[in-house]
Protein backbone atom coordinates (compact mmCIF):
# COMPACT_ATOMS: atom_id res chain seq x y z
CA UNK A 1 24.86 7.95 8.47
CA UNK A 2 25.10 6.36 5.01
CA UNK A 3 23.26 3.26 6.72
CA UNK A 4 20.60 5.17 7.80
CA UNK A 5 20.08 6.63 4.44
CA UNK A 6 20.18 2.78 2.70
CA UNK A 7 17.71 1.88 5.23
CA UNK A 8 15.34 4.80 4.29
CA UNK A 9 15.97 4.01 0.57
CA UNK A 10 15.15 0.35 1.02
CA UNK A 11 12.01 0.91 3.20
CA UNK A 12 10.92 3.45 0.41
CA UNK A 13 11.26 0.95 -2.32
CA UNK A 14 9.57 -1.74 -0.23
CA UNK A 15 6.63 0.93 0.47
CA UNK A 16 6.28 1.48 -3.29
CA UNK A 17 6.44 -2.22 -3.83
CA UNK A 18 3.56 -3.03 -1.44
CA UNK A 19 1.67 -0.16 -2.91
CA UNK A 20 1.74 -1.49 -6.38
CA UNK A 21 0.80 -4.71 -5.07
CA UNK A 22 -2.37 -3.26 -3.50
CA UNK A 23 -3.22 -1.75 -6.72
CA UNK A 24 -2.94 -5.03 -8.37
CA UNK A 25 -5.24 -6.68 -5.78
CA UNK A 26 -7.64 -3.81 -6.18
CA UNK A 27 -7.87 -4.42 -9.86
CA UNK A 28 -8.26 -7.99 -9.23
CA UNK A 29 -11.02 -7.48 -6.71
CA UNK A 30 -12.86 -5.27 -8.75
CA UNK A 31 -13.21 -7.78 -11.58
CA UNK A 32 -14.79 -10.13 -8.96
CA UNK A 33 -17.43 -7.59 -7.34
CA UNK A 34 -15.54 -5.44 -4.88
CA UNK A 35 -17.02 -2.17 -5.14
CA UNK A 36 -14.56 0.99 -5.65
CA UNK A 37 -17.09 3.34 -6.31
CA UNK A 38 -15.57 6.47 -8.68
CA UNK A 39 -12.38 4.71 -8.23
CA UNK A 40 -11.66 6.37 -4.88
CA UNK A 41 -9.54 3.60 -3.59
CA UNK A 42 -7.68 3.46 -6.91
CA UNK A 43 -6.85 6.79 -7.13
CA UNK A 44 -5.89 6.90 -3.38
CA UNK A 45 -3.38 4.34 -4.09
CA UNK A 46 -2.12 6.13 -7.22
CA UNK A 47 -1.49 9.34 -4.86
CA UNK A 48 0.00 7.30 -2.37
CA UNK A 49 2.51 5.75 -4.85
CA UNK A 50 3.30 9.44 -5.61
CA UNK A 51 3.78 10.36 -2.15
CA UNK A 52 5.94 7.60 -1.46
CA UNK A 53 8.14 8.37 -4.44
CA UNK A 54 8.47 11.95 -3.36
CA UNK A 55 9.04 11.08 0.38
CA UNK A 56 12.17 12.73 1.46
CA UNK A 57 11.84 11.75 5.32
CA UNK A 58 10.94 8.91 7.74
CA UNK A 59 7.74 10.88 8.89
CA UNK A 60 6.55 11.32 5.46
CA UNK A 61 7.21 7.66 4.65
CA UNK A 62 5.41 6.52 8.04
CA UNK A 63 2.42 8.51 6.89
CA UNK A 64 1.80 6.94 3.64
CA UNK A 65 2.56 3.32 5.40
CA UNK A 66 -0.68 4.35 7.65
CA UNK A 67 -2.74 5.18 5.03
CA UNK A 68 -1.64 2.20 2.87
CA UNK A 69 -2.50 -0.48 5.97
CA UNK A 70 -6.32 0.89 5.97
CA UNK A 71 -6.71 0.10 2.45
CA UNK A 72 -4.99 -3.34 2.96
CA UNK A 73 -7.22 -4.04 5.71
CA UNK A 74 -10.36 -3.29 3.46
CA UNK A 75 -8.94 -5.45 0.70
CA UNK A 76 -8.10 -8.22 3.13
CA UNK A 77 -11.69 -8.15 4.49
CA UNK A 78 -13.24 -8.47 1.21
CA UNK A 79 -10.72 -11.39 0.65
CA UNK A 80 -11.96 -12.99 3.80
CA UNK A 81 -15.63 -12.25 2.96
CA UNK A 82 -14.98 -14.45 -0.43
CA UNK A 83 -13.15 -16.96 1.49
CA UNK A 84 -9.62 -16.28 -0.08
CA UNK A 85 -6.96 -16.29 2.22
CA UNK A 86 -4.22 -13.59 1.71
CA UNK A 87 -0.64 -12.85 3.13
CA UNK A 88 -0.03 -9.81 4.99
CA UNK A 89 2.35 -7.37 3.18
CA UNK A 90 5.65 -6.66 5.33
CA UNK A 91 5.69 -3.26 5.78
CA UNK A 92 8.94 -1.40 7.24
CA UNK A 93 9.10 -0.50 10.91
CA UNK A 94 9.98 3.22 10.93
């Protein structure tokens, strides 16, 4: 049981780190012309960081991961459109 708890907390930390990376990437992209009307994506990332921090189950964390992957894809598409290569984030398997 202890190993499972450690894995959950390690996964949680990785998800939070990835969300913060996406937030930084978004801030950089907005500076070069990416459109985030009314800061919708930015606010969603902030909300997901809070959700990840507050998650107490693998199910809750997996829901955050799925939402984050959608945003990651949007940002990667813009990077690709601009001719910039990106490295895919490593998300935990839950």
